[in-house]
């Protein structure tokens, strides 16, 4: 019984760092999205029209996607 408890405890301790890596990934993804949106808005020939942004209910920025469209 003691061996089972120790094994379960070691397995749970091994899973703790996963949460730290997940948060880092989310932060990096958010930073990439901000960078992409800033770059798009800085380019005069690719800028998203202000009227469209003002009337938008949400904006999805996916940093690794090359093409996008409006629905």
N, C-alpha and C. Protein backbone atom coordinates (compact mmCIF):
# COMPACT_ATOMS: atom_id res chain seq x y z
N UNK A 1 0.82 -1.19 0.00
CA UNK A 1 0.00 0.00 0.00
C UNK A 1 0.87 1.26 0.00
N UNK A 2 1.97 1.22 0.72
CA UNK A 2 2.86 2.37 0.80
C UNK A 2 3.50 2.64 -0.55
N UNK A 3 3.85 1.58 -1.28
CA UNK A 3 4.46 1.74 -2.60
C UNK A 3 3.50 2.42 -3.57
N UNK A 4 2.24 2.12 -3.46
CA UNK A 4 1.24 2.73 -4.33
C UNK A 4 1.12 4.23 -4.02
N UNK A 5 1.09 4.56 -2.76
CA UNK A 5 1.00 5.98 -2.37
C UNK A 5 2.22 6.76 -2.86
N UNK A 6 3.39 6.19 -2.70
CA UNK A 6 4.61 6.85 -3.14
C UNK A 6 4.59 7.01 -4.66
N UNK A 7 4.16 6.00 -5.38
CA UNK A 7 4.10 6.06 -6.84
C UNK A 7 3.12 7.13 -7.31
N UNK A 8 1.97 7.21 -6.68
CA UNK A 8 0.97 8.22 -7.04
C UNK A 8 1.52 9.62 -6.73
N UNK A 9 2.16 9.78 -5.59
CA UNK A 9 2.74 11.07 -5.22
C UNK A 9 3.80 11.50 -6.22
N UNK A 10 4.66 10.59 -6.63
CA UNK A 10 5.70 10.93 -7.61
C UNK A 10 5.09 11.30 -8.96
N UNK A 11 4.05 10.62 -9.35
CA UNK A 11 3.38 10.95 -10.61
C UNK A 11 2.76 12.34 -10.54
N UNK A 12 2.12 12.67 -9.44
CA UNK A 12 1.51 13.99 -9.28
C UNK A 12 2.57 15.09 -9.24
N UNK A 13 3.69 14.84 -8.58
CA UNK A 13 4.76 15.83 -8.54
C UNK A 13 5.35 16.06 -9.94
N UNK A 14 5.36 15.03 -10.75
CA UNK A 14 5.86 15.17 -12.11
C UNK A 14 4.95 16.01 -12.99
N UNK A 15 3.67 16.10 -12.65
CA UNK A 15 2.72 16.88 -13.44
C UNK A 15 2.69 18.36 -13.09
N UNK A 16 3.25 18.76 -11.99
CA UNK A 16 3.20 20.17 -11.56
C UNK A 16 3.81 21.13 -12.56
N UNK A 17 4.97 20.86 -13.15
CA UNK A 17 5.56 21.83 -14.09
C UNK A 17 4.74 22.04 -15.37
N UNK A 18 3.83 21.17 -15.69
CA UNK A 18 3.04 21.31 -16.92
C UNK A 18 2.24 22.60 -16.90
N UNK A 19 1.68 22.99 -15.77
CA UNK A 19 0.92 24.23 -15.66
C UNK A 19 1.77 25.45 -15.93
N UNK A 20 3.01 25.43 -15.50
CA UNK A 20 3.91 26.55 -15.74
C UNK A 20 4.20 26.69 -17.23
N UNK A 21 4.45 25.58 -17.91
CA UNK A 21 4.72 25.62 -19.35
C UNK A 21 3.50 26.07 -20.13
N UNK A 22 2.31 25.66 -19.71
CA UNK A 22 1.09 26.06 -20.40
C UNK A 22 0.88 27.56 -20.30
N UNK A 23 1.12 28.15 -19.14
CA UNK A 23 0.94 29.58 -18.98
C UNK A 23 1.95 30.35 -19.82
N UNK A 24 3.19 29.85 -19.89
CA UNK A 24 4.20 30.50 -20.70
C UNK A 24 3.79 30.47 -22.17
N UNK A 25 3.27 29.36 -22.62
CA UNK A 25 2.82 29.24 -24.01
C UNK A 25 1.68 30.21 -24.30
N UNK A 26 0.74 30.34 -23.39
CA UNK A 26 -0.39 31.26 -23.58
C UNK A 26 0.10 32.70 -23.63
N UNK A 27 1.04 33.04 -22.79
CA UNK A 27 1.58 34.41 -22.78
C UNK A 27 2.31 34.69 -24.08
N UNK A 28 3.11 33.74 -24.54
CA UNK A 28 3.82 33.92 -25.81
C UNK A 28 2.85 34.04 -26.97
N UNK A 29 1.78 33.25 -26.96
CA UNK A 29 0.79 33.31 -28.03
C UNK A 29 0.09 34.68 -28.04
N UNK A 30 -0.24 35.20 -26.87
CA UNK A 30 -0.87 36.51 -26.78
C UNK A 30 0.09 37.60 -27.26
N UNK A 31 1.36 37.50 -26.90
CA UNK A 31 2.35 38.48 -27.34
C UNK A 31 2.52 38.43 -28.85
N UNK A 32 2.51 37.23 -29.43
CA UNK A 32 2.60 37.10 -30.89
C UNK A 32 1.38 37.73 -31.57
N UNK A 33 0.21 37.54 -30.99
CA UNK A 33 -1.00 38.12 -31.58
C UNK A 33 -0.95 39.64 -31.54
N UNK A 34 -0.48 40.21 -30.45
CA UNK A 34 -0.34 41.67 -30.35
C UNK A 34 0.67 42.17 -31.38
N UNK A 35 1.77 41.46 -31.52
CA UNK A 35 2.79 41.85 -32.49
C UNK A 35 2.24 41.84 -33.91
N UNK A 36 1.51 40.77 -34.26
CA UNK A 36 0.95 40.66 -35.61
C UNK A 36 -0.06 41.77 -35.87
N UNK A 37 -0.95 42.04 -34.93
CA UNK A 37 -1.94 43.09 -35.12
C UNK A 37 -1.28 44.46 -35.24
N UNK A 38 -0.25 44.70 -34.46
CA UNK A 38 0.49 45.97 -34.53
C UNK A 38 1.16 46.12 -35.90
N UNK A 39 1.75 45.04 -36.40
CA UNK A 39 2.40 45.09 -37.71
C UNK A 39 1.38 45.33 -38.82
N UNK A 40 0.24 44.68 -38.74
CA UNK A 40 -0.79 44.86 -39.76
C UNK A 40 -1.29 46.29 -39.77
N UNK A 41 -1.52 46.85 -38.59
CA UNK A 41 -2.05 48.21 -38.51
C UNK A 41 -1.00 49.26 -38.88
N UNK A 42 0.28 48.91 -38.80
CA UNK A 42 1.35 49.85 -39.15
C UNK A 42 1.57 49.92 -40.66
N UNK A 43 1.18 48.89 -41.40
CA UNK A 43 1.36 48.87 -42.85
C UNK A 43 0.18 49.57 -43.51
N UNK A 44 0.38 50.70 -44.18
CA UNK A 44 -0.75 51.45 -44.75
C UNK A 44 -1.52 50.68 -45.82
N UNK A 45 -0.86 49.79 -46.55
CA UNK A 45 -1.54 49.07 -47.62
C UNK A 45 -2.26 47.81 -47.12
N UNK A 46 -2.03 47.38 -45.88
CA UNK A 46 -2.68 46.19 -45.34
C UNK A 46 -3.51 46.50 -44.10
N UNK A 47 -3.63 47.76 -43.76
CA UNK A 47 -4.32 48.17 -42.54
C UNK A 47 -5.80 47.77 -42.59
N UNK A 48 -6.31 47.34 -41.46
CA UNK A 48 -7.74 47.02 -41.33
C UNK A 48 -8.48 48.35 -41.18
N UNK A 49 -9.51 48.59 -41.98
CA UNK A 49 -10.23 49.87 -41.89
C UNK A 49 -10.78 50.13 -40.48
N UNK A 50 -10.61 51.38 -40.02
CA UNK A 50 -11.07 51.74 -38.68
C UNK A 50 -12.55 51.54 -38.49
N UNK A 51 -13.35 51.79 -39.53
CA UNK A 51 -14.79 51.59 -39.46
C UNK A 51 -15.11 50.13 -39.15
N UNK A 52 -14.39 49.23 -39.79
CA UNK A 52 -14.61 47.80 -39.57
C UNK A 52 -14.22 47.41 -38.15
N UNK A 53 -13.11 47.95 -37.66
CA UNK A 53 -12.68 47.64 -36.29
C UNK A 53 -13.64 48.20 -35.25
N UNK A 54 -14.13 49.41 -35.47
CA UNK A 54 -15.07 50.02 -34.51
C UNK A 54 -16.36 49.23 -34.40
N UNK A 55 -16.82 48.65 -35.51
CA UNK A 55 -18.08 47.92 -35.50
C UNK A 55 -17.91 46.43 -35.20
N UNK A 56 -16.68 45.99 -35.05
CA UNK A 56 -16.43 44.57 -34.79
C UNK A 56 -16.81 44.21 -33.36
N UNK A 57 -17.37 43.05 -33.19
CA UNK A 57 -17.68 42.56 -31.85
C UNK A 57 -16.52 41.77 -31.28
N UNK A 58 -15.68 41.25 -32.14
CA UNK A 58 -14.52 40.48 -31.70
C UNK A 58 -13.47 40.50 -32.81
N UNK A 59 -12.23 40.30 -32.42
CA UNK A 59 -11.13 40.21 -33.37
C UNK A 59 -10.35 38.95 -33.04
N UNK A 60 -10.13 38.11 -34.03
CA UNK A 60 -9.33 36.91 -33.85
C UNK A 60 -8.02 37.11 -34.60
N UNK A 61 -6.93 37.02 -33.87
CA UNK A 61 -5.60 37.14 -34.47
C UNK A 61 -4.90 35.81 -34.29
N UNK A 62 -4.56 35.19 -35.40
CA UNK A 62 -3.88 33.91 -35.37
C UNK A 62 -2.52 34.11 -36.02
N UNK A 63 -1.46 34.22 -35.23
CA UNK A 63 -0.16 34.64 -35.73
C UNK A 63 0.43 33.81 -36.87
N UNK A 64 0.19 32.53 -36.93
CA UNK A 64 0.83 31.70 -37.94
C UNK A 64 -0.01 31.50 -39.20
N UNK A 65 -1.13 32.18 -39.32
CA UNK A 65 -1.99 32.07 -40.49
C UNK A 65 -1.58 33.14 -41.50
N UNK A 66 -1.39 32.73 -42.75
CA UNK A 66 -0.93 33.65 -43.78
C UNK A 66 -2.10 34.43 -44.37
N UNK A 67 -3.24 33.79 -44.57
CA UNK A 67 -4.39 34.45 -45.18
C UNK A 67 -5.56 34.47 -44.21
N UNK A 68 -6.42 35.46 -44.39
CA UNK A 68 -7.60 35.57 -43.54
C UNK A 68 -8.71 36.20 -44.34
N UNK A 69 -9.92 36.18 -43.82
CA UNK A 69 -11.05 36.82 -44.49
C UNK A 69 -12.02 37.33 -43.44
N UNK A 70 -12.93 38.19 -43.88
CA UNK A 70 -13.95 38.74 -43.01
C UNK A 70 -15.28 38.08 -43.34
N UNK A 71 -16.03 37.76 -42.31
CA UNK A 71 -17.35 37.15 -42.51
C UNK A 71 -18.40 38.10 -42.02
